[in-house]
Amino acid sequence: MIHFLACFSCKKSQMIKKSTKVNTKTVWNKTVKESKKVVKKKPKAKTRSWEVKNLDSRFSRYIRILYANKEWMVQCVTSWQWLHWTKIQNWHFVSRSVYKYRRSEMNCHPQCYADNVMKKWNYIEYTFFMINKYWKDYVEFMKNDKELVKITTQEIREQAEHYKKLVTEHHLWIEYKAW
């Protein structure tokens, strides 16, 4: 036996066999979505770890742009090769686990991927660079200083906005130098 199934949206009908099961919610093999109330989800509160990652990202971008020239090229501090600022990494002399120096401009410098990852930080060359740029006593002080510094989530947010503003200012300055 043959039945007809009508589509209400386009006013066409389709022949189907009696043995075919007809789903009342199916029209032309497409599922009709039931109208549901739209419930707006509350935005998730940003966690402290997300805020720290955001701040680290902005600070890293700031360090790399800080050392950029008007062509957006940055020189690696250990191998001395020039790379675009997006292809270079922010390297920490003292580990990032020491919060006191995690976002210190004297602790962070641009380094290429090859030196930072493949050559296991190229620590000897970087130490020579640090001693030449600053002084030996300060480098030793940084390496041995393990003072604990606690920072609130609100301070993290404020620092993130501060570095976002600095990155914007450096973008504008580099664009100005390019004229």
Protein backbone atom coordinates (compact mmCIF):
# COMPACT_ATOMS: atom_id res chain seq x y z
CA MET A 1 0.00 0.00 0.00
CA ILE A 2 1.29 3.50 -0.82
CA HIS A 3 0.85 6.54 1.40
CA PHE A 4 1.59 10.18 0.76
CA LEU A 5 3.58 12.31 3.14
CA ALA A 6 3.06 16.03 2.72
CA CYS A 7 5.65 18.69 3.41
CA PHE A 8 3.94 21.67 4.98
CA SER A 9 6.68 24.15 4.20
CA CYS A 10 6.82 23.64 0.41
CA LYS A 11 3.38 22.06 -0.15
CA LYS A 12 4.81 19.00 -1.97
CA SER A 13 4.05 15.40 -1.27
CA GLN A 14 6.18 12.28 -1.35
CA MET A 15 5.08 8.71 -1.92
CA ILE A 16 6.14 6.16 0.68
CA LYS A 17 5.44 2.47 1.11
CA LYS A 18 3.36 1.28 4.02
CA SER A 19 6.26 -0.79 5.35
CA THR A 20 8.36 2.36 5.74
CA LYS A 21 8.21 3.74 9.25
CA VAL A 22 7.25 7.37 9.25
CA ASN A 23 8.65 9.54 12.01
CA THR A 24 6.27 12.35 12.73
CA LYS A 25 9.20 14.69 13.23
CA THR A 26 10.80 13.84 9.86
CA VAL A 27 9.92 15.77 6.74
CA TRP A 28 11.81 14.90 3.57
CA ASN A 29 14.46 13.07 5.61
CA LYS A 30 15.27 16.21 7.58
CA THR A 31 14.65 16.48 11.28
CA VAL A 32 12.35 19.29 12.30
CA LYS A 33 13.78 21.03 15.34
CA GLU A 34 11.34 21.64 18.08
CA SER A 35 11.15 25.22 19.21
CA LYS A 36 12.79 25.54 22.57
CA LYS A 37 13.18 28.48 24.83
CA VAL A 38 16.55 30.08 24.31
CA VAL A 39 18.38 29.98 27.61
CA LYS A 40 21.36 32.29 27.74
CA LYS A 41 24.26 30.68 29.52
CA LYS A 42 26.11 32.74 32.04
CA PRO A 43 29.68 33.45 30.95
CA LYS A 44 32.10 31.28 32.83
CA ALA A 45 34.19 33.05 35.40
CA LYS A 46 37.79 33.24 34.28
CA THR A 47 40.00 31.21 36.52
CA ARG A 48 43.28 32.36 38.01
CA SER A 49 45.23 29.96 35.79
CA TRP A 50 43.54 31.47 32.70
CA GLU A 51 44.44 34.97 33.92
CA VAL A 52 48.08 33.93 34.47
CA LYS A 53 48.29 32.41 30.97
CA ASN A 54 46.76 35.56 29.50
CA LEU A 55 49.29 37.75 31.34
CA ASP A 56 52.20 35.52 30.27
CA SER A 57 51.06 35.70 26.66
CA ARG A 58 50.79 39.49 26.72
CA PHE A 59 54.14 39.90 28.47
CA SER A 60 55.83 37.57 25.97
CA ARG A 61 54.38 39.56 23.09
CA TYR A 62 55.56 42.78 24.74
CA ILE A 63 59.15 41.53 25.14
CA ARG A 64 59.34 40.36 21.53
CA ILE A 65 57.89 43.61 20.16
CA LEU A 66 60.10 45.66 22.48
CA TYR A 67 63.19 44.31 20.70
CA ALA A 68 61.68 44.58 17.19
CA ASN A 69 63.01 46.98 14.59
CA LYS A 70 60.89 48.87 12.05
CA GLU A 71 60.67 45.78 9.80
CA TRP A 72 59.31 43.77 12.78
CA MET A 73 62.52 41.72 12.92
CA VAL A 74 64.05 40.65 16.25
CA GLN A 75 67.58 39.41 16.88
CA CYS A 76 68.08 36.26 18.93
CA VAL A 77 70.31 37.03 21.93
CA THR A 78 72.31 33.79 21.67
CA SER A 79 72.62 32.94 17.96
CA TRP A 80 72.30 36.54 16.70
CA GLN A 81 70.04 35.59 13.81
CA TRP A 82 67.24 37.92 12.77
CA LEU A 83 63.70 36.54 12.75
CA HIS A 84 60.21 38.00 12.53
CA TRP A 85 58.83 38.77 15.99
CA THR A 86 56.17 36.04 15.63
CA LYS A 87 58.86 33.40 14.95
CA ILE A 88 60.90 34.12 18.05
CA GLN A 89 60.28 33.15 21.69
CA ASN A 90 60.51 34.93 25.01
CA TRP A 91 63.28 33.30 27.03
CA HIS A 92 63.60 33.46 30.82
CA PHE A 93 67.06 33.35 32.37
CA VAL A 94 65.63 32.50 35.81
CA SER A 95 62.88 29.89 35.65
CA ARG A 96 59.28 31.02 35.28
CA SER A 97 58.48 29.25 38.55
CA VAL A 98 60.19 32.12 40.41
CA TYR A 99 57.36 34.66 40.32
CA LYS A 100 59.61 37.55 41.28
CA TYR A 101 61.44 37.35 37.93
CA ARG A 102 58.73 35.74 35.79
CA ARG A 103 57.78 39.06 34.23
CA SER A 104 60.98 41.01 34.71
CA GLU A 105 62.37 42.78 31.64
CA MET A 106 65.89 42.08 32.92
CA ASN A 107 65.13 38.35 33.05
CA CYS A 108 63.36 37.96 29.68
CA HIS A 109 64.89 38.30 26.23
CA PRO A 110 64.06 37.10 22.70
CA GLN A 111 65.53 33.77 21.67
CA CYS A 112 64.97 31.66 18.58
CA TYR A 113 63.26 28.27 18.72
CA ALA A 114 66.47 26.39 17.88
CA ASP A 115 68.33 27.81 20.88
CA ASN A 116 65.39 27.76 23.26
CA VAL A 117 64.12 24.23 22.58
CA MET A 118 66.46 22.21 20.37
CA LYS A 119 69.70 23.30 22.06
CA LYS A 120 68.19 22.99 25.55
CA TRP A 121 68.09 26.76 26.18
CA ASN A 122 71.70 27.34 25.05
CA TYR A 123 72.27 28.32 28.67
CA ILE A 124 76.03 28.98 28.44
CA GLU A 125 75.66 31.53 25.63
CA TYR A 126 72.71 33.12 27.41
CA THR A 127 74.70 33.43 30.63
CA PHE A 128 77.49 35.22 28.74
CA PHE A 129 74.89 37.54 27.22
CA MET A 130 73.41 38.31 30.66
CA ILE A 131 76.82 39.03 32.20
CA ASN A 132 77.74 41.34 29.30
CA LYS A 133 74.43 43.17 29.33
CA TYR A 134 74.10 43.49 33.12
CA TRP A 135 76.80 42.61 35.61
CA LYS A 136 78.03 39.33 37.05
CA ASP A 137 76.92 40.09 40.62
CA TYR A 138 73.37 40.83 39.49
CA VAL A 139 73.20 37.64 37.44
CA GLU A 140 74.38 35.60 40.44
CA PHE A 141 71.91 37.41 42.66
CA MET A 142 69.04 36.57 40.28
CA LYS A 143 70.04 32.92 40.07
CA ASN A 144 70.25 32.51 43.86
CA ASP A 145 67.30 34.70 44.84
CA LYS A 146 64.34 32.49 45.80
CA GLU A 147 62.20 35.11 47.52
CA LEU A 148 58.52 34.20 47.44
CA VAL A 149 56.25 36.80 45.91
CA LYS A 150 52.47 36.47 46.10
CA ILE A 151 50.32 38.26 43.58
CA THR A 152 46.54 38.60 43.66
CA THR A 153 44.26 37.81 40.74
CA GLN A 154 43.26 41.48 40.52
CA GLU A 155 46.92 42.48 40.19
CA ILE A 156 47.32 39.87 37.43
CA ARG A 157 44.39 41.41 35.53
CA GLU A 158 45.83 44.92 35.96
CA GLN A 159 49.25 43.82 34.71
CA ALA A 160 47.65 42.11 31.70
CA GLU A 161 45.88 45.34 30.76
CA HIS A 162 49.11 47.29 31.31
CA TYR A 163 51.07 45.06 28.91
CA LYS A 164 48.23 45.12 26.39
CA LYS A 165 48.50 48.93 26.42
CA LEU A 166 52.30 48.81 26.08
CA VAL A 167 52.08 46.41 23.11
CA THR A 168 49.66 48.80 21.39
CA GLU A 169 51.98 51.75 22.02
CA HIS A 170 54.99 49.85 20.63
CA HIS A 171 52.97 48.83 17.56
CA LEU A 172 52.20 52.48 16.93
CA TRP A 173 55.84 53.50 17.54
CA ILE A 174 57.18 50.91 15.11
CA GLU A 175 54.61 51.97 12.51
CA TYR A 176 55.74 55.58 13.04
CA LYS A 177 59.43 54.60 12.62
CA ALA A 178 58.55 52.79 9.37
CA TRP A 179 57.38 56.08 7.77
